[in-house]
């Protein structure tokens, strides 16, 4: 039961993803294709963190 990360690290990760999405949204008109790759990478990371195998 101790292998789950603490709440603080989950909140930090959520803040990181939140600000990253804001940056991606603002840069989207300049970096459209690369931001799509970044969004897919972030979604994959979220799936791995919150839905462990």
PDB file of N, CA and C in Angstrom:
ATOM      1  N   UNK A   1       0.816  -1.203   0.000  1.00  0.00           N
ATOM      2  CA  UNK A   1       0.000   0.000   0.000  1.00  0.00           C
ATOM      3  C   UNK A   1       0.856   1.262   0.000  1.00  0.00           C
ATOM      4  N   UNK A   2       2.175   1.095   0.109  1.00  0.00           N
ATOM      5  CA  UNK A   2       3.052   2.260   0.243  1.00  0.00           C
ATOM      6  C   UNK A   2       3.693   2.662  -1.080  1.00  0.00           C
ATOM      7  N   UNK A   3       3.352   1.994  -2.181  1.00  0.00           N
ATOM      8  CA  UNK A   3       3.980   2.328  -3.460  1.00  0.00           C
ATOM      9  C   UNK A   3       3.248   3.439  -4.203  1.00  0.00           C
ATOM     10  N   UNK A   4       2.137   3.929  -3.676  1.00  0.00           N
ATOM     11  CA  UNK A   4       1.459   5.066  -4.291  1.00  0.00           C
ATOM     12  C   UNK A   4       2.183   6.357  -3.920  1.00  0.00           C
ATOM     13  N   UNK A   5       2.406   7.252  -4.877  1.00  0.00           N
ATOM     14  CA  UNK A   5       3.041   8.537  -4.550  1.00  0.00           C
ATOM     15  C   UNK A   5       2.167   9.335  -3.600  1.00  0.00           C
ATOM     16  N   UNK A   6       2.765  10.181  -2.779  1.00  0.00           N
ATOM     17  CA  UNK A   6       1.975  11.010  -1.869  1.00  0.00           C
ATOM     18  C   UNK A   6       1.105  12.006  -2.629  1.00  0.00           C
ATOM     19  N   UNK A   7       0.133  12.564  -1.928  1.00  0.00           N
ATOM     20  CA  UNK A   7      -0.809  13.502  -2.549  1.00  0.00           C
ATOM     21  C   UNK A   7      -0.058  14.706  -3.128  1.00  0.00           C
ATOM     22  N   UNK A   8       0.981  15.143  -2.416  1.00  0.00           N
ATOM     23  CA  UNK A   8       1.699  16.349  -2.842  1.00  0.00           C
ATOM     24  C   UNK A   8       2.291  16.167  -4.233  1.00  0.00           C
ATOM     25  N   UNK A   9       2.871  15.009  -4.507  1.00  0.00           N
ATOM     26  CA  UNK A   9       3.478  14.807  -5.820  1.00  0.00           C
ATOM     27  C   UNK A   9       2.404  14.757  -6.908  1.00  0.00           C
ATOM     28  N   UNK A  10       1.235  14.227  -6.583  1.00  0.00           N
ATOM     29  CA  UNK A  10       0.146  14.225  -7.569  1.00  0.00           C
ATOM     30  C   UNK A  10      -0.298  15.649  -7.866  1.00  0.00           C
ATOM     31  N   UNK A  11      -0.418  16.488  -6.838  1.00  0.00           N
ATOM     32  CA  UNK A  11      -0.810  17.884  -7.066  1.00  0.00           C
ATOM     33  C   UNK A  11       0.248  18.610  -7.878  1.00  0.00           C
ATOM     34  N   UNK A  12       1.516  18.338  -7.593  1.00  0.00           N
ATOM     35  CA  UNK A  12       2.597  18.969  -8.350  1.00  0.00           C
ATOM     36  C   UNK A  12       2.528  18.553  -9.811  1.00  0.00           C
ATOM     37  N   UNK A  13       2.257  17.281 -10.047  1.00  0.00           N
ATOM     38  CA  UNK A  13       2.155  16.801 -11.423  1.00  0.00           C
ATOM     39  C   UNK A  13       0.980  17.460 -12.136  1.00  0.00           C
ATOM     40  N   UNK A  14      -0.144  17.596 -11.436  1.00  0.00           N
ATOM     41  CA  UNK A  14      -1.310  18.232 -12.051  1.00  0.00           C
ATOM     42  C   UNK A  14      -1.018  19.691 -12.394  1.00  0.00           C
ATOM     43  N   UNK A  15      -0.327  20.395 -11.501  1.00  0.00           N
ATOM     44  CA  UNK A  15       0.033  21.784 -11.795  1.00  0.00           C
ATOM     45  C   UNK A  15       0.966  21.849 -12.992  1.00  0.00           C
ATOM     46  N   UNK A  16       1.938  20.931 -13.047  1.00  0.00           N
ATOM     47  CA  UNK A  16       2.872  20.909 -14.167  1.00  0.00           C
ATOM     48  C   UNK A  16       2.126  20.689 -15.481  1.00  0.00           C
ATOM     49  N   UNK A  17       1.211  19.725 -15.487  1.00  0.00           N
ATOM     50  CA  UNK A  17       0.441  19.452 -16.704  1.00  0.00           C
ATOM     51  C   UNK A  17      -0.432  20.651 -17.060  1.00  0.00           C
ATOM     52  N   UNK A  18      -1.041  21.266 -16.041  1.00  0.00           N
ATOM     53  CA  UNK A  18      -1.917  22.416 -16.275  1.00  0.00           C
ATOM     54  C   UNK A  18      -1.163  23.556 -16.949  1.00  0.00           C
ATOM     55  N   UNK A  19       0.000  23.929 -16.374  1.00  0.00           N
ATOM     56  CA  UNK A  19       0.769  25.023 -16.961  1.00  0.00           C
ATOM     57  C   UNK A  19       1.342  24.634 -18.312  1.00  0.00           C
ATOM     58  N   UNK A  20       1.715  23.363 -18.480  1.00  0.00           N
ATOM     59  CA  UNK A  20       2.229  22.921 -19.775  1.00  0.00           C
ATOM     60  C   UNK A  20       1.155  23.047 -20.847  1.00  0.00           C
ATOM     61  N   UNK A  21      -0.083  22.699 -20.498  1.00  0.00           N
ATOM     62  CA  UNK A  21      -1.171  22.819 -21.470  1.00  0.00           C
ATOM     63  C   UNK A  21      -1.437  24.277 -21.820  1.00  0.00           C
ATOM     64  N   UNK A  22      -1.305  25.178 -20.840  1.00  0.00           N
ATOM     65  CA  UNK A  22      -1.476  26.607 -21.126  1.00  0.00           C
ATOM     66  C   UNK A  22      -0.398  27.076 -22.100  1.00  0.00           C
ATOM     67  N   UNK A  23       0.848  26.678 -21.842  1.00  0.00           N
ATOM     68  CA  UNK A  23       1.948  27.078 -22.727  1.00  0.00           C
ATOM     69  C   UNK A  23       1.720  26.509 -24.121  1.00  0.00           C
ATOM     70  N   UNK A  24       1.297  25.245 -24.182  1.00  0.00           N
ATOM     71  CA  UNK A  24       1.042  24.626 -25.485  1.00  0.00           C
ATOM     72  C   UNK A  24      -0.072  25.374 -26.213  1.00  0.00           C
ATOM     73  N   UNK A  25      -1.118  25.744 -25.482  1.00  0.00           N
ATOM     74  CA  UNK A  25      -2.241  26.442 -26.109  1.00  0.00           C
ATOM     75  C   UNK A  25      -1.792  27.785 -26.678  1.00  0.00           C
ATOM     76  N   UNK A  26      -0.944  28.504 -25.938  1.00  0.00           N
ATOM     77  CA  UNK A  26      -0.492  29.812 -26.412  1.00  0.00           C
ATOM     78  C   UNK A  26       0.480  29.679 -27.578  1.00  0.00           C
ATOM     79  N   UNK A  27       1.259  28.591 -27.602  1.00  0.00           N
ATOM     80  CA  UNK A  27       2.249  28.408 -28.666  1.00  0.00           C
ATOM     81  C   UNK A  27       1.679  27.606 -29.830  1.00  0.00           C
ATOM     82  N   UNK A  28       0.407  27.228 -29.726  1.00  0.00           N
ATOM     83  CA  UNK A  28      -0.162  26.300 -30.706  1.00  0.00           C
ATOM     84  C   UNK A  28      -0.137  26.877 -32.115  1.00  0.00           C
ATOM     85  N   UNK A  29      -0.400  28.173 -32.255  1.00  0.00           N
ATOM     86  CA  UNK A  29      -0.437  28.764 -33.588  1.00  0.00           C
ATOM     87  C   UNK A  29       0.949  28.847 -34.218  1.00  0.00           C
ATOM     88  N   UNK A  30       2.012  28.710 -33.391  1.00  0.00           N
ATOM     89  CA  UNK A  30       3.366  28.734 -33.930  1.00  0.00           C
ATOM     90  C   UNK A  30       3.928  27.327 -34.107  1.00  0.00           C
ATOM     91  N   UNK A  31       3.523  26.412 -33.235  1.00  0.00           N
ATOM     92  CA  UNK A  31       4.130  25.079 -33.224  1.00  0.00           C
ATOM     93  C   UNK A  31       3.034  24.018 -33.256  1.00  0.00           C
ATOM     94  N   UNK A  32       2.204  24.071 -34.290  1.00  0.00           N
ATOM     95  CA  UNK A  32       0.995  23.237 -34.288  1.00  0.00           C
ATOM     96  C   UNK A  32       1.313  21.742 -34.230  1.00  0.00           C
ATOM     97  N   UNK A  33       2.196  21.291 -35.118  1.00  0.00           N
ATOM     98  CA  UNK A  33       2.446  19.853 -35.201  1.00  0.00           C
ATOM     99  C   UNK A  33       3.201  19.345 -33.981  1.00  0.00           C
ATOM    100  N   UNK A  34       4.207  20.081 -33.544  1.00  0.00           N
ATOM    101  CA  UNK A  34       4.988  19.626 -32.396  1.00  0.00           C
ATOM    102  C   UNK A  34       4.161  19.647 -31.116  1.00  0.00           C
ATOM    103  N   UNK A  35       3.205  20.585 -31.012  1.00  0.00           N
ATOM    104  CA  UNK A  35       2.369  20.616 -29.816  1.00  0.00           C
ATOM    105  C   UNK A  35       1.414  19.435 -29.794  1.00  0.00           C
ATOM    106  N   UNK A  36       0.973  18.981 -30.962  1.00  0.00           N
ATOM    107  CA  UNK A  36       0.134  17.780 -30.983  1.00  0.00           C
ATOM    108  C   UNK A  36       0.921  16.590 -30.461  1.00  0.00           C
ATOM    109  N   UNK A  37       2.203  16.501 -30.831  1.00  0.00           N
ATOM    110  CA  UNK A  37       3.048  15.423 -30.320  1.00  0.00           C
ATOM    111  C   UNK A  37       3.198  15.555 -28.810  1.00  0.00           C
ATOM    112  N   UNK A  38       3.393  16.789 -28.321  1.00  0.00           N
ATOM    113  CA  UNK A  38       3.540  17.003 -26.882  1.00  0.00           C
ATOM    114  C   UNK A  38       2.262  16.629 -26.144  1.00  0.00           C
ATOM    115  N   UNK A  39       1.106  16.993 -26.688  1.00  0.00           N
ATOM    116  CA  UNK A  39      -0.155  16.656 -26.030  1.00  0.00           C
ATOM    117  C   UNK A  39      -0.323  15.147 -25.931  1.00  0.00           C
ATOM    118  N   UNK A  40       0.020  14.424 -26.995  1.00  0.00           N
ATOM    119  CA  UNK A  40      -0.075  12.963 -26.954  1.00  0.00           C
ATOM    120  C   UNK A  40       0.884  12.396 -25.920  1.00  0.00           C
ATOM    121  N   UNK A  41       2.098  12.959 -25.832  1.00  0.00           N
ATOM    122  CA  UNK A  41       3.066  12.480 -24.850  1.00  0.00           C
ATOM    123  C   UNK A  41       2.563  12.725 -23.435  1.00  0.00           C
ATOM    124  N   UNK A  42       1.991  13.905 -23.188  1.00  0.00           N
ATOM    125  CA  UNK A  42       1.479  14.221 -21.847  1.00  0.00           C
ATOM    126  C   UNK A  42       0.326  13.289 -21.492  1.00  0.00           C
ATOM    127  N   UNK A  43      -0.564  13.029 -22.445  1.00  0.00           N
ATOM    128  CA  UNK A  43      -1.679  12.122 -22.162  1.00  0.00           C
ATOM    129  C   UNK A  43      -1.170  10.726 -21.847  1.00  0.00           C
ATOM    130  N   UNK A  44      -0.125  10.281 -22.557  1.00  0.00           N
ATOM    131  CA  UNK A  44       0.439   8.963 -22.274  1.00  0.00           C
ATOM    132  C   UNK A  44       1.053   8.918 -20.894  1.00  0.00           C
ATOM    133  N   UNK A  45       1.730   9.996 -20.482  1.00  0.00           N
ATOM    134  CA  UNK A  45       2.318  10.044 -19.145  1.00  0.00           C
ATOM    135  C   UNK A  45       1.223   9.997 -18.087  1.00  0.00           C
ATOM    136  N   UNK A  46       0.149  10.754 -18.299  1.00  0.00           N
ATOM    137  CA  UNK A  46      -0.952  10.754 -17.330  1.00  0.00           C
ATOM    138  C   UNK A  46      -1.547   9.351 -17.210  1.00  0.00           C
ATOM    139  N   UNK A  47      -1.723   8.670 -18.337  1.00  0.00           N
ATOM    140  CA  UNK A  47      -2.268   7.315 -18.291  1.00  0.00           C
ATOM    141  C   UNK A  47      -1.342   6.389 -17.512  1.00  0.00           C
ATOM    142  N   UNK A  48      -0.020   6.527 -17.700  1.00  0.00           N
ATOM    143  CA  UNK A  48       0.921   5.656 -17.010  1.00  0.00           C
ATOM    144  C   UNK A  48       0.950   5.947 -15.518  1.00  0.00           C
ATOM    145  N   UNK A  49       0.779   7.227 -15.145  1.00  0.00           N
ATOM    146  CA  UNK A  49       0.875   7.593 -13.731  1.00  0.00           C
ATOM    147  C   UNK A  49      -0.407   7.242 -12.990  1.00  0.00           C
ATOM    148  N   UNK A  50      -1.537   7.572 -13.570  1.00  0.00           N
ATOM    149  CA  UNK A  50      -2.802   7.420 -12.854  1.00  0.00           C
ATOM    150  C   UNK A  50      -3.497   6.089 -13.131  1.00  0.00           C
ATOM    151  N   UNK A  51      -3.064   5.378 -14.183  1.00  0.00           N
ATOM    152  CA  UNK A  51      -3.641   4.060 -14.474  1.00  0.00           C
ATOM    153  C   UNK A  51      -2.489   3.060 -14.591  1.00  0.00           C
ATOM    154  N   UNK A  52      -1.863   2.716 -13.459  1.00  0.00           N
ATOM    155  CA  UNK A  52      -0.722   1.784 -13.513  1.00  0.00           C
ATOM    156  C   UNK A  52      -1.164   0.404 -13.975  1.00  0.00           C
ATOM    157  N   UNK A  53      -0.260  -0.290 -14.625  1.00  0.00           N
ATOM    158  CA  UNK A  53      -0.569  -1.638 -15.131  1.00  0.00           C
ATOM    159  C   UNK A  53      -0.590  -2.626 -13.963  1.00  0.00           C
TER     160      UNK A  53
END
